[in-house]
């Protein structure tokens, strides 16, 4: 095999902690901030905080299995 066609094999493995430390020491990871958008424009976005319904949906118990004996 020619020099250009040789495979490069990486043998140095990092632990998950070492890999994360390497990433976070190189890349600045922080929230970008928040903004209020309409429900129509919210598709594909991530919520900045939890939201809760004021009513039960559906308005009845809907378990396929009941845990009680």
PDB file of N, CA and C in Angstrom:
ATOM      1  N   UNK A   1       0.834  -1.174   0.000  1.00  0.00           N
ATOM      2  CA  UNK A   1       0.000   0.000   0.000  1.00  0.00           C
ATOM      3  C   UNK A   1       0.884   1.245   0.000  1.00  0.00           C
ATOM      4  N   UNK A   2       0.513   2.251  -0.754  1.00  0.00           N
ATOM      5  CA  UNK A   2       1.276   3.489  -0.797  1.00  0.00           C
ATOM      6  C   UNK A   2       1.023   4.294   0.475  1.00  0.00           C
ATOM      7  N   UNK A   3       1.875   5.279   0.709  1.00  0.00           N
ATOM      8  CA  UNK A   3       1.706   6.151   1.890  1.00  0.00           C
ATOM      9  C   UNK A   3       0.338   6.817   1.908  1.00  0.00           C
ATOM     10  N   UNK A   4      -0.152   7.239   0.736  1.00  0.00           N
ATOM     11  CA  UNK A   4      -1.434   7.938   0.680  1.00  0.00           C
ATOM     12  C   UNK A   4      -2.596   7.002   0.976  1.00  0.00           C
ATOM     13  N   UNK A   5      -2.437   5.699   0.709  1.00  0.00           N
ATOM     14  CA  UNK A   5      -3.524   4.754   0.895  1.00  0.00           C
ATOM     15  C   UNK A   5      -3.523   4.044   2.234  1.00  0.00           C
ATOM     16  N   UNK A   6      -2.576   4.378   3.127  1.00  0.00           N
ATOM     17  CA  UNK A   6      -2.504   3.700   4.423  1.00  0.00           C
ATOM     18  C   UNK A   6      -3.653   4.112   5.324  1.00  0.00           C
ATOM     19  N   UNK A   7      -4.141   3.143   6.081  1.00  0.00           N
ATOM     20  CA  UNK A   7      -5.181   3.424   7.078  1.00  0.00           C
ATOM     21  C   UNK A   7      -4.569   4.042   8.310  1.00  0.00           C
ATOM     22  N   UNK A   8      -5.247   4.993   8.864  1.00  0.00           N
ATOM     23  CA  UNK A   8      -4.814   5.588  10.118  1.00  0.00           C
ATOM     24  C   UNK A   8      -5.685   4.985  11.210  1.00  0.00           C
ATOM     25  N   UNK A   9      -5.031   4.367  12.183  1.00  0.00           N
ATOM     26  CA  UNK A   9      -5.765   3.719  13.269  1.00  0.00           C
ATOM     27  C   UNK A   9      -5.493   4.492  14.549  1.00  0.00           C
ATOM     28  N   UNK A  10      -6.575   4.890  15.197  1.00  0.00           N
ATOM     29  CA  UNK A  10      -6.456   5.627  16.451  1.00  0.00           C
ATOM     30  C   UNK A  10      -6.628   4.644  17.610  1.00  0.00           C
ATOM     31  N   UNK A  11      -5.636   4.585  18.481  1.00  0.00           N
ATOM     32  CA  UNK A  11      -5.685   3.654  19.603  1.00  0.00           C
ATOM     33  C   UNK A  11      -5.936   4.343  20.937  1.00  0.00           C
ATOM     34  N   UNK A  12      -5.831   5.663  20.979  1.00  0.00           N
ATOM     35  CA  UNK A  12      -6.028   6.377  22.239  1.00  0.00           C
ATOM     36  C   UNK A  12      -7.518   6.600  22.469  1.00  0.00           C
ATOM     37  N   UNK A  13      -8.068   5.922  23.456  1.00  0.00           N
ATOM     38  CA  UNK A  13      -9.474   6.086  23.802  1.00  0.00           C
ATOM     39  C   UNK A  13      -9.587   6.943  25.049  1.00  0.00           C
ATOM     40  N   UNK A  14     -10.599   7.784  25.064  1.00  0.00           N
ATOM     41  CA  UNK A  14     -10.852   8.639  26.216  1.00  0.00           C
ATOM     42  C   UNK A  14     -12.056   8.126  26.987  1.00  0.00           C
ATOM     43  N   UNK A  15     -12.063   8.380  28.280  1.00  0.00           N
ATOM     44  CA  UNK A  15     -13.257   8.083  29.059  1.00  0.00           C
ATOM     45  C   UNK A  15     -14.302   9.141  28.696  1.00  0.00           C
ATOM     46  N   UNK A  16     -15.574   8.876  28.966  1.00  0.00           N
ATOM     47  CA  UNK A  16     -16.582   9.904  28.690  1.00  0.00           C
ATOM     48  C   UNK A  16     -16.276  11.234  29.393  1.00  0.00           C
ATOM     49  N   UNK A  17     -15.777  11.172  30.634  1.00  0.00           N
ATOM     50  CA  UNK A  17     -15.451  12.388  31.370  1.00  0.00           C
ATOM     51  C   UNK A  17     -14.325  13.151  30.687  1.00  0.00           C
ATOM     52  N   UNK A  18     -13.293  12.439  30.241  1.00  0.00           N
ATOM     53  CA  UNK A  18     -12.176  13.082  29.549  1.00  0.00           C
ATOM     54  C   UNK A  18     -12.641  13.716  28.236  1.00  0.00           C
ATOM     55  N   UNK A  19     -13.515  13.014  27.521  1.00  0.00           N
ATOM     56  CA  UNK A  19     -14.025  13.533  26.253  1.00  0.00           C
ATOM     57  C   UNK A  19     -14.841  14.808  26.489  1.00  0.00           C
ATOM     58  N   UNK A  20     -15.717  14.795  27.505  1.00  0.00           N
ATOM     59  CA  UNK A  20     -16.507  15.987  27.815  1.00  0.00           C
ATOM     60  C   UNK A  20     -15.622  17.153  28.246  1.00  0.00           C
ATOM     61  N   UNK A  21     -14.616  16.884  29.064  1.00  0.00           N
ATOM     62  CA  UNK A  21     -13.689  17.938  29.481  1.00  0.00           C
ATOM     63  C   UNK A  21     -12.971  18.542  28.280  1.00  0.00           C
ATOM     64  N   UNK A  22     -12.589  17.700  27.335  1.00  0.00           N
ATOM     65  CA  UNK A  22     -11.908  18.180  26.130  1.00  0.00           C
ATOM     66  C   UNK A  22     -12.841  19.045  25.288  1.00  0.00           C
ATOM     67  N   UNK A  23     -14.087  18.629  25.173  1.00  0.00           N
ATOM     68  CA  UNK A  23     -15.067  19.401  24.397  1.00  0.00           C
ATOM     69  C   UNK A  23     -15.345  20.737  25.070  1.00  0.00           C
ATOM     70  N   UNK A  24     -15.655  20.706  26.377  1.00  0.00           N
ATOM     71  CA  UNK A  24     -16.044  21.920  27.087  1.00  0.00           C
ATOM     72  C   UNK A  24     -14.874  22.892  27.265  1.00  0.00           C
ATOM     73  N   UNK A  25     -13.639  22.421  27.198  1.00  0.00           N
ATOM     74  CA  UNK A  25     -12.502  23.336  27.282  1.00  0.00           C
ATOM     75  C   UNK A  25     -12.255  24.022  25.941  1.00  0.00           C
ATOM     76  N   UNK A  26     -12.825  23.480  24.871  1.00  0.00           N
ATOM     77  CA  UNK A  26     -12.631  24.039  23.534  1.00  0.00           C
ATOM     78  C   UNK A  26     -13.827  24.858  23.069  1.00  0.00           C
ATOM     79  N   UNK A  27     -15.031  24.392  23.384  1.00  0.00           N
ATOM     80  CA  UNK A  27     -16.257  25.006  22.888  1.00  0.00           C
ATOM     81  C   UNK A  27     -16.995  25.693  24.030  1.00  0.00           C
ATOM     82  N   UNK A  28     -17.476  26.892  23.769  1.00  0.00           N
ATOM     83  CA  UNK A  28     -18.263  27.611  24.767  1.00  0.00           C
ATOM     84  C   UNK A  28     -19.708  27.137  24.660  1.00  0.00           C
ATOM     85  N   UNK A  29     -20.196  26.451  25.698  1.00  0.00           N
ATOM     86  CA  UNK A  29     -21.551  25.914  25.700  1.00  0.00           C
ATOM     87  C   UNK A  29     -22.359  26.655  26.764  1.00  0.00           C
ATOM     88  N   UNK A  30     -23.314  27.446  26.312  1.00  0.00           N
ATOM     89  CA  UNK A  30     -24.187  28.158  27.237  1.00  0.00           C
ATOM     90  C   UNK A  30     -25.500  28.474  26.533  1.00  0.00           C
ATOM     91  N   UNK A  31     -26.553  28.721  27.293  1.00  0.00           N
ATOM     92  CA  UNK A  31     -27.834  29.041  26.672  1.00  0.00           C
ATOM     93  C   UNK A  31     -27.734  30.299  25.811  1.00  0.00           C
ATOM     94  N   UNK A  32     -28.484  30.315  24.735  1.00  0.00           N
ATOM     95  CA  UNK A  32     -28.468  31.457  23.831  1.00  0.00           C
ATOM     96  C   UNK A  32     -29.424  32.561  24.260  1.00  0.00           C
ATOM     97  N   UNK A  33     -30.259  32.288  25.241  1.00  0.00           N
ATOM     98  CA  UNK A  33     -31.242  33.256  25.685  1.00  0.00           C
ATOM     99  C   UNK A  33     -32.640  32.757  25.362  1.00  0.00           C
ATOM    100  N   UNK A  34     -33.628  33.537  25.700  1.00  0.00           N
ATOM    101  CA  UNK A  34     -35.007  33.137  25.448  1.00  0.00           C
ATOM    102  C   UNK A  34     -35.718  34.219  24.652  1.00  0.00           C
ATOM    103  N   UNK A  35     -36.781  33.824  24.001  1.00  0.00           N
ATOM    104  CA  UNK A  35     -37.640  34.759  23.294  1.00  0.00           C
ATOM    105  C   UNK A  35     -39.047  34.202  23.281  1.00  0.00           C
ATOM    106  N   UNK A  36     -40.018  35.061  23.176  1.00  0.00           N
ATOM    107  CA  UNK A  36     -41.415  34.657  23.128  1.00  0.00           C
ATOM    108  C   UNK A  36     -41.850  34.625  21.667  1.00  0.00           C
ATOM    109  N   UNK A  37     -42.400  33.481  21.246  1.00  0.00           N
ATOM    110  CA  UNK A  37     -42.877  33.335  19.871  1.00  0.00           C
ATOM    111  C   UNK A  37     -44.296  32.778  19.910  1.00  0.00           C
ATOM    112  N   UNK A  38     -45.011  32.945  18.823  1.00  0.00           N
ATOM    113  CA  UNK A  38     -46.371  32.401  18.749  1.00  0.00           C
ATOM    114  C   UNK A  38     -46.300  30.889  18.632  1.00  0.00           C
ATOM    115  N   UNK A  39     -47.399  30.236  18.955  1.00  0.00           N
ATOM    116  CA  UNK A  39     -47.447  28.777  18.881  1.00  0.00           C
ATOM    117  C   UNK A  39     -47.183  28.292  17.457  1.00  0.00           C
ATOM    118  N   UNK A  40     -47.621  29.059  16.464  1.00  0.00           N
ATOM    119  CA  UNK A  40     -47.412  28.689  15.067  1.00  0.00           C
ATOM    120  C   UNK A  40     -45.927  28.709  14.686  1.00  0.00           C
ATOM    121  N   UNK A  41     -45.156  29.602  15.301  1.00  0.00           N
ATOM    122  CA  UNK A  41     -43.727  29.720  14.993  1.00  0.00           C
ATOM    123  C   UNK A  41     -42.848  28.883  15.912  1.00  0.00           C
ATOM    124  N   UNK A  42     -43.464  28.102  16.798  1.00  0.00           N
ATOM    125  CA  UNK A  42     -42.686  27.361  17.789  1.00  0.00           C
ATOM    126  C   UNK A  42     -42.230  25.981  17.316  1.00  0.00           C
ATOM    127  N   UNK A  43     -42.688  25.544  16.154  1.00  0.00           N
ATOM    128  CA  UNK A  43     -42.316  24.210  15.659  1.00  0.00           C
ATOM    129  C   UNK A  43     -40.801  24.103  15.498  1.00  0.00           C
ATOM    130  N   UNK A  44     -40.220  23.035  16.060  1.00  0.00           N
ATOM    131  CA  UNK A  44     -38.784  22.802  15.952  1.00  0.00           C
ATOM    132  C   UNK A  44     -37.953  23.530  16.991  1.00  0.00           C
ATOM    133  N   UNK A  45     -38.591  24.210  17.911  1.00  0.00           N
ATOM    134  CA  UNK A  45     -37.870  24.927  18.953  1.00  0.00           C
ATOM    135  C   UNK A  45     -37.882  24.137  20.257  1.00  0.00           C
ATOM    136  N   UNK A  46     -37.103  24.592  21.216  1.00  0.00           N
ATOM    137  CA  UNK A  46     -36.989  23.947  22.523  1.00  0.00           C
ATOM    138  C   UNK A  46     -37.542  24.893  23.578  1.00  0.00           C
ATOM    139  N   UNK A  47     -38.326  24.347  24.500  1.00  0.00           N
ATOM    140  CA  UNK A  47     -38.869  25.170  25.584  1.00  0.00           C
ATOM    141  C   UNK A  47     -37.765  25.576  26.555  1.00  0.00           C
ATOM    142  N   UNK A  48     -37.830  26.809  27.020  1.00  0.00           N
ATOM    143  CA  UNK A  48     -36.857  27.290  27.993  1.00  0.00           C
ATOM    144  C   UNK A  48     -37.241  26.887  29.413  1.00  0.00           C
ATOM    145  N   UNK A  49     -38.510  26.591  29.628  1.00  0.00           N
ATOM    146  CA  UNK A  49     -38.972  26.150  30.948  1.00  0.00           C
ATOM    147  C   UNK A  49     -40.185  25.241  30.760  1.00  0.00           C
ATOM    148  N   UNK A  50     -40.546  24.538  31.811  1.00  0.00           N
ATOM    149  CA  UNK A  50     -41.681  23.621  31.745  1.00  0.00           C
ATOM    150  C   UNK A  50     -42.991  24.393  31.664  1.00  0.00           C
ATOM    151  N   UNK A  51     -43.957  23.795  30.971  1.00  0.00           N
ATOM    152  CA  UNK A  51     -45.304  24.355  30.977  1.00  0.00           C
ATOM    153  C   UNK A  51     -46.249  23.276  31.478  1.00  0.00           C
ATOM    154  N   UNK A  52     -47.338  23.680  32.112  1.00  0.00           N
ATOM    155  CA  UNK A  52     -48.283  22.737  32.690  1.00  0.00           C
ATOM    156  C   UNK A  52     -49.687  23.105  32.238  1.00  0.00           C
ATOM    157  N   UNK A  53     -50.494  22.071  31.992  1.00  0.00           N
ATOM    158  CA  UNK A  53     -51.879  22.289  31.607  1.00  0.00           C
ATOM    159  C   UNK A  53     -52.722  22.587  32.845  1.00  0.00           C
ATOM    160  N   UNK A  54     -53.679  23.464  32.703  1.00  0.00           N
ATOM    161  CA  UNK A  54     -54.584  23.773  33.812  1.00  0.00           C
ATOM    162  C   UNK A  54     -55.684  22.725  33.941  1.00  0.00           C
ATOM    163  N   UNK A  55     -55.858  21.918  32.910  1.00  0.00           N
ATOM    164  CA  UNK A  55     -56.889  20.873  32.923  1.00  0.00           C
ATOM    165  C   UNK A  55     -56.244  19.531  32.581  1.00  0.00           C
ATOM    166  N   UNK A  56     -56.884  18.440  33.006  1.00  0.00           N
ATOM    167  CA  UNK A  56     -56.406  17.104  32.660  1.00  0.00           C
ATOM    168  C   UNK A  56     -56.785  16.798  31.212  1.00  0.00           C
ATOM    169  N   UNK A  57     -55.809  16.304  30.450  1.00  0.00           N
ATOM    170  CA  UNK A  57     -56.086  15.910  29.069  1.00  0.00           C
ATOM    171  C   UNK A  57     -55.549  14.502  28.887  1.00  0.00           C
ATOM    172  N   UNK A  58     -56.380  13.509  28.605  1.00  0.00           N
ATOM    173  CA  UNK A  58     -57.835  13.555  28.502  1.00  0.00           C
ATOM    174  C   UNK A  58     -58.462  13.710  29.888  1.00  0.00           C
ATOM    175  N   UNK A  59     -59.728  14.080  29.934  1.00  0.00           N
ATOM    176  CA  UNK A  59     -60.358  14.358  31.229  1.00  0.00           C
ATOM    177  C   UNK A  59     -60.799  13.105  31.993  1.00  0.00           C
ATOM    178  N   UNK A  60     -60.210  11.965  31.692  1.00  0.00           N
ATOM    179  CA  UNK A  60     -60.538  10.718  32.377  1.00  0.00           C
ATOM    180  C   UNK A  60     -59.266   9.888  32.485  1.00  0.00           C
ATOM    181  N   UNK A  61     -59.263   8.887  33.409  1.00  0.00           N
ATOM    182  CA  UNK A  61     -58.103   8.004  33.557  1.00  0.00           C
ATOM    183  C   UNK A  61     -57.991   7.115  32.335  1.00  0.00           C
ATOM    184  N   UNK A  62     -56.777   6.962  31.817  1.00  0.00           N
ATOM    185  CA  UNK A  62     -56.608   6.228  30.574  1.00  0.00           C
ATOM    186  C   UNK A  62     -55.442   5.235  30.670  1.00  0.00           C
ATOM    187  N   UNK A  63     -55.259   4.594  31.771  1.00  0.00           N
ATOM    188  CA  UNK A  63     -54.178   3.622  31.917  1.00  0.00           C
ATOM    189  C   UNK A  63     -54.589   2.292  31.280  1.00  0.00           C
ATOM    190  N   UNK A  64     -53.671   1.663  30.540  1.00  0.00           N
ATOM    191  CA  UNK A  64     -53.962   0.346  29.968  1.00  0.00           C
ATOM    192  C   UNK A  64     -53.852  -0.740  31.031  1.00  0.00           C
ATOM    193  N   UNK A  65     -53.070  -0.466  32.093  1.00  0.00           N
ATOM    194  CA  UNK A  65     -52.954  -1.389  33.212  1.00  0.00           C
ATOM    195  C   UNK A  65     -53.042  -0.595  34.498  1.00  0.00           C
ATOM    196  N   UNK A  66     -53.802  -1.085  35.406  1.00  0.00           N
ATOM    197  CA  UNK A  66     -53.934  -0.442  36.693  1.00  0.00           C
ATOM    198  C   UNK A  66     -52.967  -1.099  37.660  1.00  0.00           C
ATOM    199  N   UNK A  67     -52.220  -0.329  38.414  1.00  0.00           N
ATOM    200  CA  UNK A  67     -51.224  -0.884  39.334  1.00  0.00           C
ATOM    201  C   UNK A  67     -51.847  -1.410  40.613  1.00  0.00           C
ATOM    202  N   UNK A  68     -53.100  -1.099  40.870  1.00  0.00           N
ATOM    203  CA  UNK A  68     -53.723  -1.568  42.110  1.00  0.00           C
ATOM    204  C   UNK A  68     -54.150  -3.027  41.978  1.00  0.00           C
ATOM    205  N   UNK A  69     -54.147  -3.782  43.092  1.00  0.00           N
ATOM    206  CA  UNK A  69     -54.495  -5.215  43.043  1.00  0.00           C
ATOM    207  C   UNK A  69     -55.970  -5.479  42.802  1.00  0.00           C
TER     208      UNK A  69
END
